[in-house]
Amino acid sequence: MFSDVPVGTIVAFAGNIDDTTPLEGVTPKQNSEMVTSLLARGWAYCNGQLVDKMQFNDLYKVIGGIYGEQGNAFRLPDYRGYFLRAVDNGAKRDTESREASVGGQSSGVGTSQKDQFQGHEHQYSGGQSDGPVPAESGADAVMIEVKDTTAITEKQGYGSPRYGKETRPINIAVNYLIKVRQIDPRSNVIF
């Protein structure tokens, strides 16, 4: 991949990755081929695993303990199942409902938000007539019994409604990688 990309950069990767393979203490023979290949190029899978502060010192200088620390180790970000969003950084577009990162930050990189759907209400009424009702003016009126419903309705020509237990945009899954160290592409030497 790109050798001039700064440590800490996140990229979307369309390949499959063995999520069970740790980065440290494993020989390439034991390690999955893809993880070994990515690490040899200075990249790691964003799956929240603990990595050694000394071995990944350049990355630790960039992200520190934002995603958690334990002794001489710190956690890589865990972006599995998340949509990423840009930091608000004073734009005032993202002012509500942030959860502090594991490292304690309440705003900025590493904070997360639960899923949410803006509150709204729909009322659908259907009626049933019991026939004309005599009125004093001589004109007959129709009495309609109104029934409220919260059922999902389907409008002709709009296709089948898609609904479930969450709100989400159309999406496609990728693996997120983080640049963990600089590698000289000519010699594969860490610098």
N, C-alpha and C. Protein backbone atom coordinates (compact mmCIF):
# COMPACT_ATOMS: atom_id res chain seq x y z
N MET A 1 0.84 -1.18 0.00
CA MET A 1 0.00 0.00 0.00
C MET A 1 0.88 1.24 0.00
N PHE A 2 0.32 2.38 0.27
CA PHE A 2 0.99 3.66 0.17
C PHE A 2 2.04 3.83 1.26
N SER A 3 3.30 4.06 0.89
CA SER A 3 4.36 4.16 1.89
C SER A 3 4.42 5.54 2.52
N ASP A 4 3.88 6.56 1.87
CA ASP A 4 3.96 7.92 2.41
C ASP A 4 2.73 8.31 3.23
N VAL A 5 1.84 7.38 3.48
CA VAL A 5 0.65 7.64 4.29
C VAL A 5 1.07 7.73 5.74
N PRO A 6 0.63 8.76 6.47
CA PRO A 6 1.06 8.88 7.87
C PRO A 6 0.52 7.78 8.77
N VAL A 7 1.30 7.42 9.79
CA VAL A 7 0.86 6.46 10.79
C VAL A 7 -0.41 7.00 11.44
N GLY A 8 -1.41 6.13 11.62
CA GLY A 8 -2.70 6.52 12.18
C GLY A 8 -3.78 6.70 11.13
N THR A 9 -3.40 6.67 9.85
CA THR A 9 -4.38 6.80 8.76
C THR A 9 -5.28 5.57 8.72
N ILE A 10 -6.55 5.79 8.48
CA ILE A 10 -7.54 4.71 8.36
C ILE A 10 -7.95 4.60 6.89
N VAL A 11 -7.99 3.38 6.37
CA VAL A 11 -8.47 3.15 5.00
C VAL A 11 -9.48 2.01 4.99
N ALA A 12 -10.37 2.05 4.01
CA ALA A 12 -11.32 0.95 3.80
C ALA A 12 -10.64 -0.08 2.92
N PHE A 13 -10.74 -1.35 3.29
CA PHE A 13 -10.07 -2.45 2.59
C PHE A 13 -11.12 -3.47 2.17
N ALA A 14 -11.14 -3.83 0.90
CA ALA A 14 -12.18 -4.72 0.37
C ALA A 14 -11.83 -6.20 0.47
N GLY A 15 -10.66 -6.53 0.99
CA GLY A 15 -10.28 -7.94 1.13
C GLY A 15 -10.80 -8.55 2.42
N ASN A 16 -10.80 -9.88 2.47
CA ASN A 16 -11.18 -10.59 3.70
C ASN A 16 -9.99 -10.67 4.64
N ILE A 17 -10.27 -10.62 5.94
CA ILE A 17 -9.24 -10.68 6.97
C ILE A 17 -9.65 -11.68 8.02
N ASP A 18 -8.68 -12.47 8.49
CA ASP A 18 -8.92 -13.40 9.60
C ASP A 18 -8.86 -12.60 10.89
N ASP A 19 -10.01 -12.37 11.49
CA ASP A 19 -10.12 -11.52 12.68
C ASP A 19 -9.53 -12.17 13.92
N THR A 20 -9.23 -13.43 13.90
CA THR A 20 -8.79 -14.12 15.11
C THR A 20 -7.28 -14.12 15.29
N THR A 21 -6.54 -13.58 14.34
CA THR A 21 -5.09 -13.65 14.40
C THR A 21 -4.50 -12.42 15.08
N PRO A 22 -3.80 -12.58 16.22
CA PRO A 22 -3.19 -11.44 16.88
C PRO A 22 -1.97 -10.96 16.10
N LEU A 23 -1.59 -9.70 16.31
CA LEU A 23 -0.44 -9.14 15.60
C LEU A 23 0.88 -9.53 16.24
N GLU A 24 0.88 -9.77 17.54
CA GLU A 24 2.14 -9.98 18.25
C GLU A 24 2.33 -11.42 18.67
N GLY A 25 3.58 -11.83 18.84
CA GLY A 25 3.90 -13.12 19.41
C GLY A 25 3.51 -14.31 18.54
N VAL A 26 3.30 -14.08 17.28
CA VAL A 26 2.90 -15.16 16.38
C VAL A 26 3.86 -15.16 15.20
N THR A 27 4.37 -16.32 14.86
CA THR A 27 5.27 -16.39 13.71
C THR A 27 4.44 -16.32 12.44
N PRO A 28 5.03 -15.84 11.35
CA PRO A 28 4.29 -15.78 10.09
C PRO A 28 3.67 -17.11 9.68
N LYS A 29 4.33 -18.23 10.05
CA LYS A 29 3.78 -19.54 9.70
C LYS A 29 2.45 -19.78 10.41
N GLN A 30 2.34 -19.31 11.68
CA GLN A 30 1.11 -19.46 12.45
C GLN A 30 0.07 -18.41 12.06
N ASN A 31 0.56 -17.27 11.63
CA ASN A 31 -0.30 -16.13 11.35
C ASN A 31 -1.05 -16.31 10.03
N SER A 32 -2.23 -15.71 9.92
CA SER A 32 -2.93 -15.80 8.64
C SER A 32 -2.13 -15.06 7.58
N GLU A 33 -2.20 -15.52 6.37
CA GLU A 33 -1.43 -14.94 5.28
C GLU A 33 -1.75 -13.46 5.08
N MET A 34 -3.05 -13.09 5.13
CA MET A 34 -3.44 -11.71 4.89
C MET A 34 -2.94 -10.79 6.00
N VAL A 35 -3.08 -11.19 7.26
CA VAL A 35 -2.64 -10.35 8.37
C VAL A 35 -1.14 -10.15 8.29
N THR A 36 -0.39 -11.21 8.01
CA THR A 36 1.06 -11.12 7.87
C THR A 36 1.43 -10.17 6.73
N SER A 37 0.75 -10.29 5.61
CA SER A 37 1.01 -9.45 4.45
C SER A 37 0.72 -7.98 4.76
N LEU A 38 -0.39 -7.71 5.44
CA LEU A 38 -0.74 -6.33 5.79
C LEU A 38 0.28 -5.75 6.76
N LEU A 39 0.61 -6.50 7.80
CA LEU A 39 1.55 -6.02 8.80
C LEU A 39 2.93 -5.78 8.19
N ALA A 40 3.33 -6.63 7.26
CA ALA A 40 4.62 -6.45 6.58
C ALA A 40 4.65 -5.14 5.80
N ARG A 41 3.50 -4.63 5.45
CA ARG A 41 3.39 -3.36 4.73
C ARG A 41 3.04 -2.20 5.66
N GLY A 42 2.97 -2.47 6.98
CA GLY A 42 2.74 -1.40 7.94
C GLY A 42 1.29 -1.15 8.31
N TRP A 43 0.39 -2.08 7.99
CA TRP A 43 -1.04 -1.89 8.25
C TRP A 43 -1.56 -2.96 9.21
N ALA A 44 -2.64 -2.64 9.94
CA ALA A 44 -3.29 -3.61 10.83
C ALA A 44 -4.80 -3.43 10.75
N TYR A 45 -5.50 -4.47 11.08
CA TYR A 45 -6.96 -4.51 11.08
C TYR A 45 -7.50 -3.77 12.31
N CYS A 46 -8.49 -2.92 12.12
CA CYS A 46 -9.10 -2.15 13.22
C CYS A 46 -10.12 -3.02 13.94
N ASN A 47 -9.62 -3.91 14.82
CA ASN A 47 -10.51 -4.83 15.53
C ASN A 47 -10.40 -4.71 17.05
N GLY A 48 -9.76 -3.66 17.54
CA GLY A 48 -9.71 -3.40 18.97
C GLY A 48 -8.71 -4.22 19.76
N GLN A 49 -7.81 -4.93 19.07
CA GLN A 49 -6.88 -5.77 19.81
C GLN A 49 -5.81 -4.95 20.54
N LEU A 50 -5.30 -5.51 21.62
CA LEU A 50 -4.20 -4.89 22.36
C LEU A 50 -2.89 -5.13 21.61
N VAL A 51 -2.07 -4.08 21.51
CA VAL A 51 -0.75 -4.20 20.89
C VAL A 51 0.28 -3.53 21.80
N ASP A 52 1.52 -3.95 21.69
CA ASP A 52 2.59 -3.47 22.55
C ASP A 52 2.96 -2.02 22.22
N LYS A 53 3.09 -1.19 23.26
CA LYS A 53 3.41 0.23 23.08
C LYS A 53 4.78 0.43 22.44
N MET A 54 5.76 -0.40 22.80
CA MET A 54 7.10 -0.26 22.25
C MET A 54 7.14 -0.71 20.79
N GLN A 55 6.50 -1.84 20.50
CA GLN A 55 6.52 -2.37 19.14
C GLN A 55 5.79 -1.45 18.16
N PHE A 56 4.74 -0.78 18.64
CA PHE A 56 3.96 0.12 17.79
C PHE A 56 4.02 1.54 18.34
N ASN A 57 5.24 1.98 18.68
CA ASN A 57 5.47 3.27 19.33
C ASN A 57 4.99 4.45 18.48
N ASP A 58 5.23 4.43 17.18
CA ASP A 58 4.80 5.54 16.32
C ASP A 58 3.28 5.70 16.36
N LEU A 59 2.56 4.60 16.32
CA LEU A 59 1.11 4.67 16.38
C LEU A 59 0.65 5.14 17.76
N TYR A 60 1.33 4.67 18.81
CA TYR A 60 0.96 5.08 20.17
C TYR A 60 1.13 6.60 20.33
N LYS A 61 2.14 7.18 19.70
CA LYS A 61 2.34 8.63 19.75
C LYS A 61 1.16 9.37 19.11
N VAL A 62 0.52 8.74 18.14
CA VAL A 62 -0.60 9.38 17.43
C VAL A 62 -1.92 9.19 18.17
N ILE A 63 -2.26 7.95 18.55
CA ILE A 63 -3.59 7.71 19.14
C ILE A 63 -3.57 7.48 20.65
N GLY A 64 -2.39 7.23 21.22
CA GLY A 64 -2.31 7.03 22.66
C GLY A 64 -3.30 5.99 23.15
N GLY A 65 -3.94 6.29 24.26
CA GLY A 65 -4.89 5.35 24.87
C GLY A 65 -6.34 5.68 24.57
N ILE A 66 -6.61 6.38 23.48
CA ILE A 66 -7.99 6.77 23.13
C ILE A 66 -8.93 5.57 23.18
N TYR A 67 -8.47 4.44 22.70
CA TYR A 67 -9.33 3.25 22.60
C TYR A 67 -9.10 2.27 23.75
N GLY A 68 -8.28 2.67 24.73
CA GLY A 68 -8.04 1.84 25.90
C GLY A 68 -6.57 1.44 26.01
N GLU A 69 -6.14 1.22 27.25
CA GLU A 69 -4.76 0.80 27.53
C GLU A 69 -4.79 -0.24 28.63
N GLN A 70 -3.75 -1.04 28.66
CA GLN A 70 -3.61 -2.05 29.70
C GLN A 70 -2.13 -2.33 29.87
N GLY A 71 -1.54 -1.82 30.95
CA GLY A 71 -0.12 -2.02 31.18
C GLY A 71 0.73 -1.43 30.07
N ASN A 72 1.56 -2.27 29.45
CA ASN A 72 2.43 -1.83 28.36
C ASN A 72 1.78 -1.95 26.99
N ALA A 73 0.46 -2.09 26.96
CA ALA A 73 -0.24 -2.26 25.68
C ALA A 73 -1.35 -1.21 25.54
N PHE A 74 -1.72 -0.95 24.30
CA PHE A 74 -2.85 -0.07 24.00
C PHE A 74 -3.70 -0.73 22.93
N ARG A 75 -4.94 -0.29 22.83
CA ARG A 75 -5.87 -0.91 21.88
C ARG A 75 -5.89 -0.17 20.55
N LEU A 76 -5.93 -0.97 19.48
CA LEU A 76 -6.22 -0.41 18.17
C LEU A 76 -7.70 -0.04 18.16
N PRO A 77 -8.11 0.88 17.28
CA PRO A 77 -9.55 1.17 17.20
C PRO A 77 -10.31 -0.08 16.77
N ASP A 78 -11.55 -0.18 17.19
CA ASP A 78 -12.42 -1.29 16.78
C ASP A 78 -13.59 -0.71 16.00
N TYR A 79 -13.48 -0.73 14.68
CA TYR A 79 -14.49 -0.11 13.81
C TYR A 79 -15.43 -1.14 13.20
N ARG A 80 -15.39 -2.37 13.67
CA ARG A 80 -16.28 -3.39 13.12
C ARG A 80 -17.73 -3.02 13.41
N GLY A 81 -18.54 -2.97 12.35
CA GLY A 81 -19.97 -2.69 12.50
C GLY A 81 -20.32 -1.23 12.64
N TYR A 82 -19.37 -0.31 12.50
CA TYR A 82 -19.63 1.11 12.64
C TYR A 82 -19.60 1.83 11.30
N PHE A 83 -20.39 2.89 11.19
CA PHE A 83 -20.22 3.89 10.14
C PHE A 83 -19.30 4.93 10.74
N LEU A 84 -18.29 5.37 10.02
CA LEU A 84 -17.39 6.39 10.55
C LEU A 84 -17.96 7.77 10.22
N ARG A 85 -17.71 8.73 11.11
CA ARG A 85 -18.13 10.12 10.89
C ARG A 85 -16.94 11.02 11.20
N ALA A 86 -16.90 12.17 10.56
CA ALA A 86 -15.82 13.12 10.80
C ALA A 86 -16.01 13.81 12.15
N VAL A 87 -14.92 14.18 12.78
CA VAL A 87 -14.96 14.94 14.03
C VAL A 87 -15.61 16.29 13.74
N ASP A 88 -16.49 16.74 14.62
CA ASP A 88 -17.19 18.02 14.46
C ASP A 88 -16.22 19.20 14.45
N ASN A 89 -15.26 19.18 15.33
CA ASN A 89 -14.19 20.18 15.38
C ASN A 89 -14.68 21.63 15.31
N GLY A 90 -15.74 21.95 16.06
CA GLY A 90 -16.25 23.31 16.14
C GLY A 90 -17.32 23.67 15.13
N ALA A 91 -17.68 22.76 14.23
CA ALA A 91 -18.70 23.06 13.21
C ALA A 91 -20.11 23.09 13.79
N LYS A 92 -20.31 22.57 14.97
CA LYS A 92 -21.59 22.54 15.69
C LYS A 92 -22.67 21.76 14.95
N ARG A 93 -22.27 20.73 14.21
CA ARG A 93 -23.24 19.85 13.55
C ARG A 93 -23.47 18.58 14.37
N ASP A 94 -22.60 18.32 15.30
CA ASP A 94 -22.61 17.06 16.06
C ASP A 94 -22.52 17.39 17.54
N THR A 95 -23.57 17.99 18.07
CA THR A 95 -23.50 18.53 19.43
C THR A 95 -24.15 17.66 20.49
N GLU A 96 -24.85 16.60 20.10
CA GLU A 96 -25.61 15.82 21.08
C GLU A 96 -25.17 14.36 21.14
N SER A 97 -25.42 13.77 22.27
CA SER A 97 -25.41 12.32 22.48
C SER A 97 -24.11 11.61 22.13
N ARG A 98 -22.98 12.23 22.40
CA ARG A 98 -21.72 11.51 22.20
C ARG A 98 -21.40 10.72 23.44
N GLU A 99 -20.81 9.56 23.27
CA GLU A 99 -20.33 8.76 24.39
C GLU A 99 -18.82 8.87 24.43
N ALA A 100 -18.28 9.05 25.62
CA ALA A 100 -16.84 9.19 25.77
C ALA A 100 -16.13 7.95 25.25
N SER A 101 -14.94 8.17 24.71
CA SER A 101 -14.13 7.04 24.27
C SER A 101 -13.68 6.25 25.48
N VAL A 102 -13.17 5.06 25.23
CA VAL A 102 -12.66 4.23 26.33
C VAL A 102 -11.57 4.99 27.08
N GLY A 103 -10.82 5.81 26.35
CA GLY A 103 -9.76 6.61 26.96
C GLY A 103 -10.26 7.83 27.70
N GLY A 104 -11.57 8.10 27.69
CA GLY A 104 -12.15 9.17 28.49
C GLY A 104 -12.49 10.45 27.75
N GLN A 105 -12.15 10.58 26.48
CA GLN A 105 -12.47 11.79 25.74
C GLN A 105 -13.98 11.89 25.53
N SER A 106 -14.54 13.10 25.71
CA SER A 106 -15.98 13.28 25.50
C SER A 106 -16.28 13.96 24.17
N SER A 107 -15.26 14.39 23.46
CA SER A 107 -15.45 14.92 22.11
C SER A 107 -14.20 14.60 21.31
N GLY A 108 -14.35 14.57 20.01
CA GLY A 108 -13.20 14.31 19.15
C GLY A 108 -13.07 12.86 18.75
N VAL A 109 -11.89 12.51 18.26
CA VAL A 109 -11.62 11.17 17.76
C VAL A 109 -11.86 10.14 18.86
N GLY A 110 -12.53 9.06 18.50
CA GLY A 110 -12.76 7.96 19.42
C GLY A 110 -14.10 7.99 20.12
N THR A 111 -14.81 9.13 20.07
CA THR A 111 -16.14 9.16 20.68
C THR A 111 -17.12 8.44 19.77
N SER A 112 -18.17 7.90 20.35
CA SER A 112 -19.16 7.17 19.53
C SER A 112 -20.56 7.66 19.86
N GLN A 113 -21.50 7.30 19.03
CA GLN A 113 -22.90 7.62 19.24
C GLN A 113 -23.72 6.37 19.01
N LYS A 114 -24.75 6.19 19.84
CA LYS A 114 -25.69 5.08 19.63
C LYS A 114 -26.53 5.40 18.39
N ASP A 115 -27.16 4.38 17.83
CA ASP A 115 -28.06 4.62 16.71
C ASP A 115 -29.25 5.43 17.21
N GLN A 116 -29.83 6.21 16.31
CA GLN A 116 -30.94 7.08 16.69
C GLN A 116 -31.77 7.40 15.46
N PHE A 117 -33.04 7.61 15.69
CA PHE A 117 -33.94 8.02 14.62
C PHE A 117 -34.77 9.16 15.18
N GLN A 118 -34.82 10.30 14.48
CA GLN A 118 -35.53 11.45 14.99
C GLN A 118 -36.99 11.11 15.25
N GLY A 119 -37.49 11.50 16.42
CA GLY A 119 -38.87 11.21 16.80
C GLY A 119 -39.85 11.84 15.83
N HIS A 120 -40.85 11.10 15.47
CA HIS A 120 -41.90 11.60 14.59
C HIS A 120 -43.13 10.71 14.78
N GLU A 121 -44.23 11.14 14.22
CA GLU A 121 -45.47 10.40 14.41
C GLU A 121 -46.28 10.42 13.13
N HIS A 122 -46.93 9.32 12.86
CA HIS A 122 -47.85 9.21 11.73
C HIS A 122 -49.19 8.73 12.26
N GLN A 123 -50.26 9.29 11.76
CA GLN A 123 -51.57 8.77 12.12
C GLN A 123 -52.30 8.45 10.84
N TYR A 124 -52.73 7.23 10.75
CA TYR A 124 -53.48 6.78 9.59
C TYR A 124 -54.90 6.48 10.06
N SER A 125 -55.84 6.99 9.36
CA SER A 125 -57.23 6.75 9.75
C SER A 125 -57.94 6.00 8.65
N GLY A 126 -58.74 5.08 9.06
CA GLY A 126 -59.59 4.35 8.13
C GLY A 126 -60.99 4.40 8.68
N GLY A 127 -61.96 4.30 7.86
CA GLY A 127 -63.32 4.43 8.37
C GLY A 127 -64.24 3.36 7.85
N GLN A 128 -65.37 3.33 8.47
CA GLN A 128 -66.39 2.37 8.08
C GLN A 128 -67.73 3.05 8.27
N SER A 129 -68.54 3.04 7.24
CA SER A 129 -69.86 3.69 7.31
C SER A 129 -70.92 2.67 7.66
N ASP A 130 -71.81 3.08 8.55
CA ASP A 130 -72.96 2.24 8.89
C ASP A 130 -74.19 2.67 8.10
N GLY A 131 -74.01 3.47 7.07
CA GLY A 131 -75.14 3.94 6.26
C GLY A 131 -75.54 5.35 6.67
N PRO A 132 -76.49 5.93 5.92
CA PRO A 132 -76.91 7.30 6.20
C PRO A 132 -77.60 7.41 7.56
N VAL A 133 -77.36 8.53 8.20
CA VAL A 133 -77.98 8.84 9.49
C VAL A 133 -78.88 10.06 9.27
N PRO A 134 -80.15 9.98 9.64
CA PRO A 134 -81.03 11.13 9.42
C PRO A 134 -80.56 12.34 10.22
N ALA A 135 -80.64 13.51 9.61
CA ALA A 135 -80.27 14.75 10.27
C ALA A 135 -81.48 15.65 10.37
N GLU A 136 -81.47 16.61 11.31
CA GLU A 136 -82.61 17.49 11.53
C GLU A 136 -82.89 18.37 10.33
N SER A 137 -81.88 18.69 9.55
CA SER A 137 -82.07 19.59 8.42
C SER A 137 -82.77 18.91 7.25
N GLY A 138 -82.96 17.64 7.34
CA GLY A 138 -83.59 16.91 6.26
C GLY A 138 -82.58 16.23 5.36
N ALA A 139 -81.32 16.68 5.40
CA ALA A 139 -80.28 16.04 4.59
C ALA A 139 -79.68 14.92 5.41
N ASP A 140 -79.45 13.81 4.76
CA ASP A 140 -78.85 12.69 5.48
C ASP A 140 -77.34 12.91 5.62
N ALA A 141 -76.78 12.50 6.74
CA ALA A 141 -75.35 12.56 6.98
C ALA A 141 -74.83 11.13 7.07
N VAL A 142 -73.56 10.97 6.85
CA VAL A 142 -72.96 9.65 6.95
C VAL A 142 -72.09 9.62 8.20
N MET A 143 -72.33 8.66 9.04
CA MET A 143 -71.55 8.48 10.26
C MET A 143 -70.40 7.55 9.93
N ILE A 144 -69.18 7.99 10.20
CA ILE A 144 -68.00 7.17 9.93
C ILE A 144 -67.28 6.91 11.24
N GLU A 145 -67.01 5.66 11.49
CA GLU A 145 -66.23 5.27 12.67
C GLU A 145 -64.76 5.31 12.27
N VAL A 146 -63.96 6.09 12.99
CA VAL A 146 -62.54 6.25 12.67
C VAL A 146 -61.73 5.26 13.50
N LYS A 147 -60.85 4.56 12.83
CA LYS A 147 -59.97 3.60 13.50
C LYS A 147 -58.53 4.03 13.25
N ASP A 148 -57.76 4.17 14.32
CA ASP A 148 -56.34 4.51 14.18
C ASP A 148 -55.53 3.24 14.00
N THR A 149 -54.44 3.37 13.25
CA THR A 149 -53.58 2.21 13.05
C THR A 149 -52.12 2.67 13.00
N THR A 150 -51.23 1.81 13.37
CA THR A 150 -49.80 2.07 13.24
C THR A 150 -49.17 1.07 12.28
N ALA A 151 -50.01 0.40 11.53
CA ALA A 151 -49.51 -0.61 10.59
C ALA A 151 -48.70 0.05 9.48
N ILE A 152 -47.75 -0.68 8.96
CA ILE A 152 -46.95 -0.20 7.85
C ILE A 152 -47.80 -0.30 6.59
N THR A 153 -47.86 0.78 5.86
CA THR A 153 -48.67 0.79 4.64
C THR A 153 -47.76 0.77 3.42
N GLU A 154 -48.27 0.26 2.36
CA GLU A 154 -47.51 0.15 1.11
C GLU A 154 -48.21 1.00 0.06
N LYS A 155 -47.48 1.91 -0.56
CA LYS A 155 -48.03 2.77 -1.60
C LYS A 155 -47.70 2.17 -2.95
N GLN A 156 -48.70 2.05 -3.79
CA GLN A 156 -48.50 1.49 -5.13
C GLN A 156 -47.42 2.26 -5.88
N GLY A 157 -46.54 1.55 -6.54
CA GLY A 157 -45.52 2.17 -7.38
C GLY A 157 -44.24 2.54 -6.65
N TYR A 158 -44.19 2.41 -5.32
CA TYR A 158 -43.00 2.78 -4.57
C TYR A 158 -42.16 1.58 -4.16
N GLY A 159 -42.57 0.39 -4.54
CA GLY A 159 -41.83 -0.81 -4.17
C GLY A 159 -42.20 -1.28 -2.78
N SER A 160 -41.64 -2.39 -2.38
CA SER A 160 -41.94 -2.96 -1.07
C SER A 160 -41.22 -2.17 0.03
N PRO A 161 -41.92 -1.86 1.12
CA PRO A 161 -41.24 -1.15 2.21
C PRO A 161 -40.21 -2.04 2.88
N ARG A 162 -39.07 -1.44 3.27
CA ARG A 162 -38.02 -2.15 3.99
C ARG A 162 -38.04 -1.64 5.42
N TYR A 163 -38.24 -2.51 6.35
CA TYR A 163 -38.29 -2.10 7.75
C TYR A 163 -37.69 -3.19 8.61
N GLY A 164 -37.28 -2.80 9.79
CA GLY A 164 -36.66 -3.75 10.71
C GLY A 164 -36.47 -3.11 12.06
N LYS A 165 -35.47 -3.59 12.79
CA LYS A 165 -35.24 -3.13 14.16
C LYS A 165 -34.25 -1.98 14.24
N GLU A 166 -33.78 -1.48 13.10
CA GLU A 166 -32.83 -0.37 13.12
C GLU A 166 -33.08 0.55 11.95
N THR A 167 -32.53 1.76 12.03
CA THR A 167 -32.57 2.72 10.94
C THR A 167 -31.18 2.74 10.34
N ARG A 168 -31.07 2.62 9.03
CA ARG A 168 -29.74 2.63 8.41
C ARG A 168 -29.85 3.04 6.95
N PRO A 169 -28.81 3.66 6.44
CA PRO A 169 -28.77 3.97 5.01
C PRO A 169 -28.34 2.72 4.24
N ILE A 170 -28.50 2.76 2.93
CA ILE A 170 -27.97 1.68 2.10
C ILE A 170 -26.47 1.62 2.36
N ASN A 171 -25.90 0.43 2.43
CA ASN A 171 -24.49 0.34 2.80
C ASN A 171 -23.85 -0.92 2.25
N ILE A 172 -22.55 -0.98 2.36
CA ILE A 172 -21.79 -2.16 1.98
C ILE A 172 -20.65 -2.32 3.00
N ALA A 173 -20.32 -3.54 3.34
CA ALA A 173 -19.32 -3.81 4.38
C ALA A 173 -17.90 -3.79 3.80
N VAL A 174 -16.98 -3.22 4.56
CA VAL A 174 -15.55 -3.23 4.26
C VAL A 174 -14.81 -3.50 5.57
N ASN A 175 -13.53 -3.78 5.48
CA ASN A 175 -12.67 -3.87 6.65
C ASN A 175 -11.89 -2.56 6.75
N TYR A 176 -11.79 -2.00 7.95
CA TYR A 176 -10.99 -0.80 8.14
C TYR A 176 -9.60 -1.20 8.62
N LEU A 177 -8.59 -0.58 8.01
CA LEU A 177 -7.19 -0.80 8.37
C LEU A 177 -6.62 0.50 8.92
N ILE A 178 -5.62 0.37 9.79
CA ILE A 178 -4.92 1.53 10.32
C ILE A 178 -3.44 1.38 10.01
N LYS A 179 -2.81 2.48 9.60
CA LYS A 179 -1.37 2.48 9.35
C LYS A 179 -0.67 2.46 10.70
N VAL A 180 0.10 1.39 10.98
CA VAL A 180 0.71 1.22 12.30
C VAL A 180 2.20 1.57 12.32
N ARG A 181 2.86 1.55 11.18
CA ARG A 181 4.28 1.89 11.12
C ARG A 181 4.66 2.20 9.68
N GLN A 182 5.75 2.93 9.53
CA GLN A 182 6.27 3.25 8.20
C GLN A 182 7.21 2.14 7.75
N ILE A 183 7.06 1.73 6.53
CA ILE A 183 7.90 0.68 5.94
C ILE A 183 8.54 1.24 4.68
N ASP A 184 9.84 1.03 4.51
CA ASP A 184 10.49 1.42 3.27
C ASP A 184 10.05 0.43 2.20
N PRO A 185 9.28 0.88 1.19
CA PRO A 185 8.73 -0.05 0.20
C PRO A 185 9.79 -0.76 -0.64
N ARG A 186 10.98 -0.18 -0.74
CA ARG A 186 12.03 -0.82 -1.55
C ARG A 186 12.66 -2.00 -0.83
N SER A 187 12.70 -1.91 0.51
CA SER A 187 13.40 -2.97 1.24
C SER A 187 12.54 -3.65 2.30
N ASN A 188 11.31 -3.16 2.48
CA ASN A 188 10.41 -3.65 3.54
C ASN A 188 11.03 -3.50 4.92
N VAL A 189 11.87 -2.47 5.09
CA VAL A 189 12.50 -2.20 6.38
C VAL A 189 11.66 -1.16 7.12
N ILE A 190 11.42 -1.41 8.40
CA ILE A 190 10.68 -0.47 9.24
C ILE A 190 11.58 0.72 9.52
N PHE A 191 11.05 1.93 9.38
CA PHE A 191 11.84 3.12 9.75
C PHE A 191 11.02 4.05 10.59
